Amino acid sequence: MNRELDIKLKEATEMLSIQEDSYDFDPYMHGRYNGMEFILSIIVEREPIFKDAPKIWTKDNVGVE
């Protein structure tokens, strides 16, 4: 790969890592994470590692103690 593509790949990997912190917030964020994972797996030619949906979304626990 060329240098520019390597930089973009590193950025995409970092973005996926950031998205991982909130994949369980709600169905939208869960789908967003899995979509990003799918695209990245195609680019680097590997099987995607999808996250399962949680039993309870984090947004439903906000403010609950």
Protein backbone atom coordinates (compact mmCIF):
# COMPACT_ATOMS: atom_id res chain seq x y z
CA MET A 1 0.00 0.00 0.00
CA ASN A 2 1.08 3.53 -0.49
CA ARG A 3 1.75 5.90 2.41
CA GLU A 4 -1.49 7.87 1.98
CA LEU A 5 -3.57 4.70 2.05
CA ASP A 6 -1.68 3.48 5.13
CA ILE A 7 -2.52 6.74 6.91
CA LYS A 8 -6.21 6.47 5.96
CA LEU A 9 -6.31 2.86 7.12
CA LYS A 10 -4.79 3.85 10.47
CA GLU A 11 -7.37 6.64 10.83
CA ALA A 12 -10.23 4.26 10.03
CA THR A 13 -8.93 1.76 12.57
CA GLU A 14 -8.75 4.49 15.21
CA MET A 15 -12.29 5.62 14.38
CA LEU A 16 -13.55 2.06 14.81
CA SER A 17 -11.82 1.91 18.19
CA ILE A 18 -13.54 5.13 19.26
CA GLN A 19 -16.91 3.87 18.02
CA GLU A 20 -16.42 0.68 20.03
CA ASP A 21 -16.79 2.73 23.23
CA SER A 22 -20.43 3.49 22.40
CA TYR A 23 -21.58 0.55 20.27
CA ASP A 24 -23.98 -0.52 23.03
CA PHE A 25 -25.67 2.87 23.51
CA ASP A 26 -28.60 2.23 21.17
CA PRO A 27 -29.45 0.28 18.00
CA TYR A 28 -28.15 3.09 15.76
CA MET A 29 -24.70 3.15 17.37
CA HIS A 30 -24.60 -0.65 17.33
CA GLY A 31 -25.33 -0.71 13.60
CA ARG A 32 -22.83 2.05 13.00
CA TYR A 33 -20.07 0.07 14.73
CA ASN A 34 -20.85 -3.13 12.83
CA GLY A 35 -21.04 -1.24 9.54
CA MET A 36 -17.65 0.36 10.14
CA GLU A 37 -16.24 -3.06 11.11
CA PHE A 38 -17.65 -4.58 7.93
CA ILE A 39 -16.13 -1.92 5.67
CA LEU A 40 -12.74 -2.12 7.41
CA SER A 41 -12.72 -5.91 7.16
CA ILE A 42 -13.26 -5.67 3.39
CA ILE A 43 -10.39 -3.22 3.00
CA VAL A 44 -7.92 -5.32 5.01
CA GLU A 45 -9.28 -8.59 3.62
CA ARG A 46 -10.31 -10.35 6.81
CA GLU A 47 -13.50 -11.72 8.31
CA PRO A 48 -15.49 -9.07 10.18
CA ILE A 49 -15.78 -9.35 13.95
CA PHE A 50 -19.28 -8.08 14.65
CA LYS A 51 -20.52 -7.13 18.09
CA ASP A 52 -23.75 -8.68 19.35
CA ALA A 53 -26.46 -6.36 20.57
CA PRO A 54 -26.58 -6.05 24.35
CA LYS A 55 -29.62 -7.23 26.30
CA ILE A 56 -30.06 -3.69 27.64
CA TRP A 57 -28.93 -0.58 25.76
CA THR A 58 -26.74 1.86 27.69
CA LYS A 59 -29.15 4.71 26.89
CA ASP A 60 -31.81 2.88 28.88
CA ASN A 61 -29.55 2.86 31.95
CA VAL A 62 -28.61 6.55 31.90
CA GLY A 63 -29.52 8.07 35.24
CA VAL A 64 -30.48 4.71 36.73
CA GLU A 65 -28.68 3.75 39.91
